[in-house]
């Protein structure tokens, strides 16, 4: 169940981040990858900063979206 949860939440996170940063989604597979990377990056960033957003679906979503936006921002800088 954990892998299915990561895939579903990752796809949602990637889609939200795509809408915010690019104005459109990237496709299911890329959204899923961006979302999973965003979730990991968001957790690392919040742990480093000592921020606790709680647990559950919405905190996972919030953390993942922040991490995915950070990831897309870094990728955008590196592409220039």
Protein backbone atom coordinates (compact mmCIF):
# COMPACT_ATOMS: atom_id res chain seq x y z
CA UNK A 1 0.00 0.00 0.00
CA UNK A 2 2.92 2.37 0.64
CA UNK A 3 4.12 2.29 -2.96
CA UNK A 4 0.62 2.88 -4.30
CA UNK A 5 0.19 5.80 -1.88
CA UNK A 6 3.54 7.29 -3.01
CA UNK A 7 2.56 6.97 -6.68
CA UNK A 8 -0.87 8.54 -6.24
CA UNK A 9 0.28 11.36 -3.96
CA UNK A 10 3.38 11.89 -6.13
CA UNK A 11 1.24 12.29 -9.24
CA UNK A 12 -1.02 14.80 -7.48
CA UNK A 13 1.99 16.73 -6.15
CA UNK A 14 3.65 16.81 -9.56
CA UNK A 15 0.45 18.00 -11.21
CA UNK A 16 0.00 20.82 -8.66
CA UNK A 17 3.65 21.87 -8.96
CA UNK A 18 3.37 21.78 -12.76
CA UNK A 19 0.31 24.04 -12.66
CA UNK A 20 2.09 26.52 -10.40
CA UNK A 21 5.49 26.62 -12.12
CA UNK A 22 4.70 25.98 -15.78
CA UNK A 23 1.00 26.60 -16.05
CA UNK A 24 0.25 23.02 -17.07
CA UNK A 25 0.97 19.46 -16.08
CA UNK A 26 3.87 17.40 -17.39
CA UNK A 27 2.06 14.10 -17.98
CA UNK A 28 1.30 11.33 -15.49
CA UNK A 29 4.71 9.65 -15.38
CA UNK A 30 6.72 12.89 -15.14
CA UNK A 31 4.26 14.31 -12.58
CA UNK A 32 4.71 11.16 -10.51
CA UNK A 33 8.51 11.37 -10.66
CA UNK A 34 8.53 15.10 -9.84
CA UNK A 35 6.10 14.50 -6.98
CA UNK A 36 8.13 11.69 -5.44
CA UNK A 37 11.36 13.71 -5.75
CA UNK A 38 9.48 16.69 -4.32
CA UNK A 39 8.27 14.67 -1.36
CA UNK A 40 11.78 13.54 -0.52
CA UNK A 41 13.25 17.02 -1.07
CA UNK A 42 10.47 18.68 0.95
CA UNK A 43 10.99 16.29 3.86
CA UNK A 44 14.74 16.91 3.80
CA UNK A 45 14.30 20.69 3.64
CA UNK A 46 11.73 20.78 6.45
CA UNK A 47 13.85 18.46 8.63
CA UNK A 48 16.92 20.64 8.01
CA UNK A 49 14.97 23.77 8.97
CA UNK A 50 13.37 22.07 11.97
CA UNK A 51 9.83 22.56 10.66
CA UNK A 52 7.17 19.99 11.57
CA UNK A 53 3.99 20.11 9.50
CA UNK A 54 2.40 17.07 11.08
CA UNK A 55 1.37 13.81 9.50
CA UNK A 56 -1.36 12.69 7.17
CA UNK A 57 -2.41 13.19 3.59
CA UNK A 58 -2.58 16.99 3.58
CA UNK A 59 0.77 17.45 5.32
CA UNK A 60 2.32 15.00 2.83
CA UNK A 61 0.74 16.99 0.02
CA UNK A 62 1.97 20.34 1.39
CA UNK A 63 5.50 19.08 2.01
CA UNK A 64 5.65 17.43 -1.40
CA UNK A 65 4.40 20.49 -3.27
CA UNK A 66 6.94 22.73 -1.55
CA UNK A 67 9.70 20.23 -2.36
CA UNK A 68 8.54 19.83 -5.96
CA UNK A 69 8.46 23.60 -6.45
CA UNK A 70 11.97 23.80 -5.04
CA UNK A 71 13.07 21.00 -7.37
CA UNK A 72 11.51 22.64 -10.45
CA UNK A 73 13.03 25.98 -9.49
CA UNK A 74 16.51 24.42 -9.23
CA UNK A 75 16.05 22.57 -12.54
CA UNK A 76 14.91 25.82 -14.18
CA UNK A 77 18.04 27.61 -12.97
CA UNK A 78 20.31 24.80 -14.17
CA UNK A 79 18.68 24.76 -17.62
CA UNK A 80 19.62 28.42 -18.27
